[in-house]
Amino acid sequence: MGKRKRISAQARKDKAKSLCVAKLRNNPTSPQKTRLMADAIRGLDVNKALGILQYSQRESAIKLRKLLLSAIANWQNKNEDKKVEDSSLYVKYITVDDGRQIKRFRTAPKGMGYRIRKRSNHVTLSIGSRVAEAVINVNNEDNN
């Protein structure tokens, strides 16, 4: 392996180590309602996001809080030598996609039926470390 490939491979490994992903599948809430909470915590520090989710009255906030705690635990498993408090974790990205729909009919006047779509969603949350990203950026500038 050449020097250039080795350097870029090491940079990819370091970047993957600072990034942790957690996924929630088939969440039985409409995607529109979940996106409201996702937009509220996108880009925030982990502690501030946990506070917002803990004191929110929305149903999706409870599930997003559990997902965020899972992502933090995943980060701790990847980075056993570092502390969460020192690494300055933040919500790097969060996406809410449509999941499967359960379709039902409700009776309506004049022999008609109204369609009911019970929606669900998939949430992907990723947290990153501001400290690790700063170190990677400095190393990339030194190599160039």
N, C-alpha and C. Protein backbone atom coordinates (compact mmCIF):
# COMPACT_ATOMS: atom_id res chain seq x y z
N MET A 1 0.85 -1.18 0.00
CA MET A 1 0.00 0.00 0.00
C MET A 1 0.89 1.23 0.00
N GLY A 2 0.54 2.19 -0.86
CA GLY A 2 1.31 3.41 -0.94
C GLY A 2 1.06 4.33 0.23
N LYS A 3 1.94 5.31 0.35
CA LYS A 3 1.84 6.24 1.48
C LYS A 3 0.55 7.06 1.44
N ARG A 4 0.19 7.51 0.23
CA ARG A 4 -1.01 8.34 0.10
C ARG A 4 -2.26 7.55 0.48
N LYS A 5 -2.35 6.29 0.05
CA LYS A 5 -3.51 5.45 0.40
C LYS A 5 -3.55 5.17 1.89
N ARG A 6 -2.40 4.94 2.47
CA ARG A 6 -2.34 4.65 3.91
C ARG A 6 -2.82 5.85 4.72
N ILE A 7 -2.40 7.05 4.30
CA ILE A 7 -2.81 8.27 5.01
C ILE A 7 -4.31 8.48 4.88
N SER A 8 -4.86 8.31 3.68
CA SER A 8 -6.30 8.51 3.50
C SER A 8 -7.10 7.43 4.22
N ALA A 9 -6.60 6.21 4.27
CA ALA A 9 -7.29 5.14 4.99
C ALA A 9 -7.30 5.43 6.49
N GLN A 10 -6.18 5.93 7.01
CA GLN A 10 -6.12 6.27 8.43
C GLN A 10 -7.06 7.43 8.75
N ALA A 11 -7.16 8.40 7.85
CA ALA A 11 -8.08 9.53 8.06
C ALA A 11 -9.52 9.05 8.07
N ARG A 12 -9.88 8.10 7.17
CA ARG A 12 -11.24 7.54 7.17
C ARG A 12 -11.53 6.80 8.47
N LYS A 13 -10.56 6.04 8.97
CA LYS A 13 -10.75 5.30 10.23
C LYS A 13 -10.94 6.26 11.40
N ASP A 14 -10.16 7.32 11.44
CA ASP A 14 -10.31 8.30 12.52
C ASP A 14 -11.66 9.00 12.45
N LYS A 15 -12.10 9.30 11.24
CA LYS A 15 -13.39 9.96 11.07
C LYS A 15 -14.53 9.03 11.49
N ALA A 16 -14.43 7.76 11.14
CA ALA A 16 -15.47 6.78 11.52
C ALA A 16 -15.48 6.56 13.02
N LYS A 17 -14.34 6.70 13.66
CA LYS A 17 -14.27 6.49 15.11
C LYS A 17 -14.94 7.64 15.86
N SER A 18 -14.91 8.83 15.30
CA SER A 18 -15.53 9.97 15.98
C SER A 18 -17.03 10.08 15.71
N LEU A 19 -17.55 9.23 14.80
CA LEU A 19 -18.95 9.30 14.40
C LEU A 19 -19.66 8.02 14.82
N CYS A 20 -20.79 8.13 15.49
CA CYS A 20 -21.57 6.96 15.90
C CYS A 20 -23.02 7.13 15.47
N VAL A 21 -23.60 6.04 15.00
CA VAL A 21 -24.94 6.07 14.45
C VAL A 21 -25.86 5.15 15.27
N ALA A 22 -27.10 5.60 15.46
CA ALA A 22 -28.13 4.77 16.07
C ALA A 22 -29.38 4.90 15.21
N LYS A 23 -30.10 3.78 15.04
CA LYS A 23 -31.28 3.78 14.18
C LYS A 23 -32.49 3.26 14.94
N LEU A 24 -33.62 3.86 14.64
CA LEU A 24 -34.91 3.44 15.19
C LEU A 24 -35.81 3.09 14.02
N ARG A 25 -36.25 1.84 13.96
CA ARG A 25 -37.06 1.37 12.84
C ARG A 25 -38.51 1.19 13.26
N ASN A 26 -39.42 1.46 12.33
CA ASN A 26 -40.86 1.25 12.50
C ASN A 26 -41.40 1.91 13.77
N ASN A 27 -41.04 3.15 13.97
CA ASN A 27 -41.57 3.95 15.07
C ASN A 27 -43.03 4.28 14.75
N PRO A 28 -44.00 3.85 15.58
CA PRO A 28 -45.41 4.01 15.21
C PRO A 28 -45.97 5.41 15.45
N THR A 29 -45.28 6.41 14.94
CA THR A 29 -45.73 7.79 15.02
C THR A 29 -45.61 8.37 13.62
N SER A 30 -46.42 9.33 13.30
CA SER A 30 -46.33 9.91 11.96
C SER A 30 -44.99 10.64 11.79
N PRO A 31 -44.40 10.55 10.61
CA PRO A 31 -43.10 11.19 10.38
C PRO A 31 -43.14 12.70 10.59
N GLN A 32 -44.26 13.33 10.27
CA GLN A 32 -44.37 14.78 10.41
C GLN A 32 -44.24 15.19 11.88
N LYS A 33 -44.84 14.43 12.78
CA LYS A 33 -44.77 14.75 14.20
C LYS A 33 -43.36 14.51 14.75
N THR A 34 -42.70 13.47 14.26
CA THR A 34 -41.35 13.17 14.73
C THR A 34 -40.34 14.19 14.20
N ARG A 35 -40.55 14.69 12.98
CA ARG A 35 -39.63 15.67 12.39
C ARG A 35 -39.61 16.97 13.19
N LEU A 36 -40.71 17.32 13.83
CA LEU A 36 -40.73 18.54 14.64
C LEU A 36 -39.70 18.46 15.76
N MET A 37 -39.63 17.30 16.43
CA MET A 37 -38.65 17.14 17.51
C MET A 37 -37.24 16.96 16.96
N ALA A 38 -37.12 16.31 15.83
CA ALA A 38 -35.80 16.12 15.22
C ALA A 38 -35.19 17.47 14.82
N ASP A 39 -36.02 18.36 14.30
CA ASP A 39 -35.53 19.70 13.93
C ASP A 39 -35.11 20.50 15.16
N ALA A 40 -35.76 20.22 16.29
CA ALA A 40 -35.45 20.97 17.52
C ALA A 40 -34.08 20.61 18.07
N ILE A 41 -33.60 19.37 17.83
CA ILE A 41 -32.32 18.97 18.43
C ILE A 41 -31.18 18.89 17.43
N ARG A 42 -31.44 19.08 16.16
CA ARG A 42 -30.40 18.97 15.14
C ARG A 42 -29.29 20.00 15.36
N GLY A 43 -28.04 19.53 15.45
CA GLY A 43 -26.89 20.41 15.59
C GLY A 43 -26.58 20.85 17.01
N LEU A 44 -27.39 20.46 17.99
CA LEU A 44 -27.17 20.88 19.37
C LEU A 44 -26.19 19.95 20.09
N ASP A 45 -25.63 20.46 21.20
CA ASP A 45 -24.82 19.60 22.05
C ASP A 45 -25.71 18.53 22.66
N VAL A 46 -25.11 17.40 22.99
CA VAL A 46 -25.86 16.24 23.47
C VAL A 46 -26.60 16.56 24.77
N ASN A 47 -25.95 17.24 25.70
CA ASN A 47 -26.60 17.54 26.98
C ASN A 47 -27.81 18.46 26.80
N LYS A 48 -27.68 19.45 25.93
CA LYS A 48 -28.80 20.36 25.68
C LYS A 48 -29.94 19.63 24.97
N ALA A 49 -29.61 18.75 24.03
CA ALA A 49 -30.63 17.99 23.32
C ALA A 49 -31.37 17.05 24.27
N LEU A 50 -30.63 16.42 25.20
CA LEU A 50 -31.28 15.54 26.18
C LEU A 50 -32.24 16.32 27.07
N GLY A 51 -31.86 17.54 27.44
CA GLY A 51 -32.73 18.38 28.25
C GLY A 51 -34.00 18.77 27.52
N ILE A 52 -33.87 19.12 26.25
CA ILE A 52 -35.04 19.49 25.45
C ILE A 52 -35.98 18.29 25.31
N LEU A 53 -35.42 17.12 25.03
CA LEU A 53 -36.25 15.93 24.84
C LEU A 53 -36.90 15.46 26.14
N GLN A 54 -36.21 15.66 27.26
CA GLN A 54 -36.76 15.20 28.54
C GLN A 54 -37.98 16.01 28.95
N TYR A 55 -37.97 17.31 28.70
CA TYR A 55 -39.05 18.16 29.17
C TYR A 55 -40.08 18.50 28.10
N SER A 56 -40.01 17.86 26.95
CA SER A 56 -40.99 18.08 25.91
C SER A 56 -42.23 17.22 26.17
N GLN A 57 -43.38 17.72 25.78
CA GLN A 57 -44.64 17.00 26.00
C GLN A 57 -44.99 16.05 24.85
N ARG A 58 -44.25 16.09 23.77
CA ARG A 58 -44.56 15.28 22.60
C ARG A 58 -44.21 13.81 22.82
N GLU A 59 -45.00 12.94 22.19
CA GLU A 59 -44.78 11.50 22.35
C GLU A 59 -43.47 11.06 21.72
N SER A 60 -43.11 11.67 20.60
CA SER A 60 -41.90 11.25 19.90
C SER A 60 -40.63 11.66 20.65
N ALA A 61 -40.73 12.61 21.58
CA ALA A 61 -39.55 13.05 22.33
C ALA A 61 -39.01 11.92 23.20
N ILE A 62 -39.88 11.09 23.74
CA ILE A 62 -39.44 9.99 24.61
C ILE A 62 -38.59 9.01 23.80
N LYS A 63 -39.06 8.66 22.61
CA LYS A 63 -38.35 7.69 21.79
C LYS A 63 -37.05 8.28 21.23
N LEU A 64 -37.06 9.55 20.88
CA LEU A 64 -35.83 10.18 20.39
C LEU A 64 -34.79 10.30 21.50
N ARG A 65 -35.24 10.50 22.73
CA ARG A 65 -34.31 10.58 23.86
C ARG A 65 -33.63 9.23 24.07
N LYS A 66 -34.39 8.14 24.00
CA LYS A 66 -33.81 6.81 24.12
C LYS A 66 -32.82 6.53 22.98
N LEU A 67 -33.16 6.99 21.79
CA LEU A 67 -32.28 6.81 20.64
C LEU A 67 -30.98 7.59 20.82
N LEU A 68 -31.06 8.80 21.34
CA LEU A 68 -29.88 9.61 21.59
C LEU A 68 -28.99 8.97 22.66
N LEU A 69 -29.61 8.43 23.71
CA LEU A 69 -28.83 7.74 24.74
C LEU A 69 -28.16 6.49 24.17
N SER A 70 -28.81 5.81 23.25
CA SER A 70 -28.22 4.64 22.59
C SER A 70 -27.01 5.05 21.75
N ALA A 71 -27.12 6.18 21.04
CA ALA A 71 -26.00 6.67 20.23
C ALA A 71 -24.81 7.05 21.11
N ILE A 72 -25.09 7.62 22.28
CA ILE A 72 -24.01 7.97 23.22
C ILE A 72 -23.33 6.70 23.72
N ALA A 73 -24.12 5.67 24.02
CA ALA A 73 -23.55 4.39 24.46
C ALA A 73 -22.70 3.76 23.35
N ASN A 74 -23.16 3.86 22.11
CA ASN A 74 -22.37 3.35 20.98
C ASN A 74 -21.05 4.09 20.87
N TRP A 75 -21.08 5.40 21.08
CA TRP A 75 -19.85 6.20 21.02
C TRP A 75 -18.89 5.78 22.13
N GLN A 76 -19.42 5.52 23.32
CA GLN A 76 -18.57 5.09 24.43
C GLN A 76 -17.93 3.74 24.15
N ASN A 77 -18.65 2.83 23.50
CA ASN A 77 -18.08 1.52 23.16
C ASN A 77 -16.96 1.65 22.14
N LYS A 78 -17.10 2.58 21.20
CA LYS A 78 -16.05 2.78 20.21
C LYS A 78 -14.83 3.48 20.79
N ASN A 79 -15.06 4.41 21.71
CA ASN A 79 -13.98 5.24 22.27
C ASN A 79 -13.89 5.00 23.78
N GLU A 80 -13.39 3.87 24.17
CA GLU A 80 -13.33 3.51 25.58
C GLU A 80 -12.31 4.35 26.36
N ASP A 81 -11.30 4.86 25.67
CA ASP A 81 -10.26 5.61 26.35
C ASP A 81 -10.62 7.08 26.57
N LYS A 82 -11.72 7.55 25.99
CA LYS A 82 -12.11 8.96 26.12
C LYS A 82 -13.35 9.10 26.98
N LYS A 83 -13.52 10.30 27.57
CA LYS A 83 -14.70 10.59 28.38
C LYS A 83 -15.71 11.38 27.55
N VAL A 84 -16.98 11.14 27.82
CA VAL A 84 -18.05 11.83 27.09
C VAL A 84 -18.01 13.33 27.39
N GLU A 85 -17.74 13.70 28.64
CA GLU A 85 -17.75 15.11 29.03
C GLU A 85 -16.65 15.91 28.34
N ASP A 86 -15.50 15.28 28.10
CA ASP A 86 -14.36 15.99 27.52
C ASP A 86 -14.43 16.07 26.00
N SER A 87 -15.23 15.23 25.37
CA SER A 87 -15.19 15.13 23.91
C SER A 87 -16.14 16.09 23.20
N SER A 88 -17.01 16.78 23.90
CA SER A 88 -17.92 17.76 23.32
C SER A 88 -18.76 17.15 22.19
N LEU A 89 -19.60 16.18 22.55
CA LEU A 89 -20.46 15.50 21.58
C LEU A 89 -21.63 16.39 21.17
N TYR A 90 -22.06 16.23 19.91
CA TYR A 90 -23.21 16.98 19.41
C TYR A 90 -23.96 16.11 18.41
N VAL A 91 -25.22 16.47 18.14
CA VAL A 91 -26.04 15.74 17.17
C VAL A 91 -25.61 16.19 15.78
N LYS A 92 -24.87 15.33 15.09
CA LYS A 92 -24.33 15.71 13.80
C LYS A 92 -25.42 15.75 12.74
N TYR A 93 -26.16 14.67 12.60
CA TYR A 93 -27.32 14.71 11.73
C TYR A 93 -28.39 13.77 12.25
N ILE A 94 -29.62 14.09 11.91
CA ILE A 94 -30.77 13.27 12.28
C ILE A 94 -31.76 13.34 11.12
N THR A 95 -32.17 12.18 10.65
CA THR A 95 -33.13 12.12 9.56
C THR A 95 -34.33 11.29 9.98
N VAL A 96 -35.49 11.69 9.51
CA VAL A 96 -36.73 10.96 9.76
C VAL A 96 -37.33 10.61 8.41
N ASP A 97 -37.38 9.32 8.09
CA ASP A 97 -37.90 8.84 6.81
C ASP A 97 -39.22 8.12 7.04
N ASP A 98 -40.02 8.04 5.98
CA ASP A 98 -41.28 7.32 6.07
C ASP A 98 -41.03 5.83 6.24
N GLY A 99 -41.83 5.21 7.08
CA GLY A 99 -41.77 3.76 7.26
C GLY A 99 -42.97 3.13 6.57
N ARG A 100 -43.33 1.96 7.01
CA ARG A 100 -44.48 1.28 6.41
C ARG A 100 -45.78 1.92 6.88
N GLN A 101 -46.82 1.75 6.10
CA GLN A 101 -48.14 2.28 6.46
C GLN A 101 -49.11 1.11 6.59
N ILE A 102 -49.92 1.16 7.62
CA ILE A 102 -51.00 0.19 7.78
C ILE A 102 -52.26 0.87 7.26
N LYS A 103 -52.92 0.23 6.30
CA LYS A 103 -54.06 0.86 5.64
C LYS A 103 -55.36 0.22 6.15
N ARG A 104 -56.30 1.06 6.51
CA ARG A 104 -57.59 0.63 7.03
C ARG A 104 -58.70 1.44 6.35
N PHE A 105 -59.95 0.98 6.48
CA PHE A 105 -61.10 1.72 5.98
C PHE A 105 -62.03 2.05 7.13
N ARG A 106 -62.58 3.24 7.10
CA ARG A 106 -63.56 3.67 8.08
C ARG A 106 -64.88 3.91 7.33
N THR A 107 -65.97 3.48 7.94
CA THR A 107 -67.26 3.65 7.27
C THR A 107 -67.59 5.14 7.15
N ALA A 108 -68.26 5.47 6.05
CA ALA A 108 -68.61 6.86 5.76
C ALA A 108 -70.04 6.89 5.23
N PRO A 109 -70.63 8.08 5.15
CA PRO A 109 -72.01 8.19 4.68
C PRO A 109 -72.17 7.73 3.23
N LYS A 110 -73.41 7.34 2.88
CA LYS A 110 -73.79 6.96 1.52
C LYS A 110 -73.04 5.71 1.03
N GLY A 111 -72.72 4.83 1.94
CA GLY A 111 -72.08 3.57 1.56
C GLY A 111 -70.63 3.69 1.15
N MET A 112 -70.03 4.82 1.46
CA MET A 112 -68.62 5.01 1.09
C MET A 112 -67.72 4.57 2.23
N GLY A 113 -66.42 4.58 1.96
CA GLY A 113 -65.45 4.29 2.99
C GLY A 113 -64.29 5.25 2.89
N TYR A 114 -63.85 5.79 4.02
CA TYR A 114 -62.70 6.69 4.03
C TYR A 114 -61.46 5.88 4.38
N ARG A 115 -60.39 6.18 3.69
CA ARG A 115 -59.14 5.47 3.92
C ARG A 115 -58.41 6.07 5.12
N ILE A 116 -57.92 5.21 6.00
CA ILE A 116 -57.09 5.62 7.14
C ILE A 116 -55.71 5.02 6.91
N ARG A 117 -54.70 5.87 6.99
CA ARG A 117 -53.32 5.40 6.85
C ARG A 117 -52.61 5.61 8.18
N LYS A 118 -52.29 4.52 8.84
CA LYS A 118 -51.54 4.60 10.10
C LYS A 118 -50.07 4.57 9.73
N ARG A 119 -49.43 5.71 9.90
CA ARG A 119 -48.05 5.88 9.43
C ARG A 119 -47.04 5.48 10.49
N SER A 120 -45.85 5.14 10.02
CA SER A 120 -44.72 4.90 10.91
C SER A 120 -43.49 5.54 10.26
N ASN A 121 -42.36 5.55 10.99
CA ASN A 121 -41.17 6.19 10.44
C ASN A 121 -39.90 5.48 10.88
N HIS A 122 -38.81 5.80 10.19
CA HIS A 122 -37.48 5.32 10.53
C HIS A 122 -36.64 6.54 10.87
N VAL A 123 -35.95 6.50 12.01
CA VAL A 123 -35.12 7.62 12.44
C VAL A 123 -33.67 7.17 12.45
N THR A 124 -32.78 7.96 11.85
CA THR A 124 -31.34 7.71 11.89
C THR A 124 -30.69 8.91 12.55
N LEU A 125 -29.96 8.66 13.63
CA LEU A 125 -29.33 9.73 14.40
C LEU A 125 -27.83 9.45 14.48
N SER A 126 -27.04 10.47 14.25
CA SER A 126 -25.60 10.33 14.32
C SER A 126 -25.03 11.43 15.20
N ILE A 127 -24.11 11.05 16.09
CA ILE A 127 -23.45 12.04 16.93
C ILE A 127 -21.97 12.07 16.57
N GLY A 128 -21.39 13.24 16.71
CA GLY A 128 -19.98 13.42 16.43
C GLY A 128 -19.32 14.19 17.55
N SER A 129 -18.00 14.17 17.54
CA SER A 129 -17.21 14.86 18.55
C SER A 129 -16.56 16.08 17.92
N ARG A 130 -16.80 17.23 18.49
CA ARG A 130 -16.19 18.46 17.96
C ARG A 130 -14.67 18.45 18.16
N VAL A 131 -14.21 17.85 19.25
CA VAL A 131 -12.77 17.80 19.55
C VAL A 131 -12.06 16.92 18.53
N ALA A 132 -12.61 15.74 18.24
CA ALA A 132 -11.98 14.81 17.30
C ALA A 132 -11.97 15.39 15.88
N GLU A 133 -13.04 16.08 15.50
CA GLU A 133 -13.09 16.68 14.16
C GLU A 133 -12.06 17.80 14.02
N ALA A 134 -11.83 18.54 15.09
CA ALA A 134 -10.82 19.60 15.04
C ALA A 134 -9.43 18.99 14.86
N VAL A 135 -9.16 17.88 15.53
CA VAL A 135 -7.86 17.21 15.41
C VAL A 135 -7.67 16.66 14.01
N ILE A 136 -8.72 16.07 13.43
CA ILE A 136 -8.64 15.52 12.08
C ILE A 136 -8.39 16.64 11.07
N ASN A 137 -9.04 17.77 11.23
CA ASN A 137 -8.85 18.90 10.31
C ASN A 137 -7.42 19.41 10.37
N VAL A 138 -6.84 19.48 11.56
CA VAL A 138 -5.47 19.95 11.72
C VAL A 138 -4.51 18.96 11.06
N ASN A 139 -4.74 17.66 11.23
CA ASN A 139 -3.88 16.65 10.62
C ASN A 139 -3.96 16.69 9.10
N ASN A 140 -5.15 16.90 8.55
CA ASN A 140 -5.30 16.98 7.09
C ASN A 140 -4.58 18.20 6.54
N GLU A 141 -4.60 19.32 7.24
CA GLU A 141 -3.90 20.52 6.79
C GLU A 141 -2.39 20.30 6.82
N ASP A 142 -1.90 19.57 7.82
CA ASP A 142 -0.46 19.29 7.91
C ASP A 142 0.01 18.38 6.76
N ASN A 143 -0.82 17.41 6.36
CA ASN A 143 -0.44 16.48 5.30
C ASN A 143 -0.45 17.16 3.93
N ASN A 144 -1.29 18.17 3.75
CA ASN A 144 -1.34 18.86 2.45
C ASN A 144 -0.22 19.82 2.39
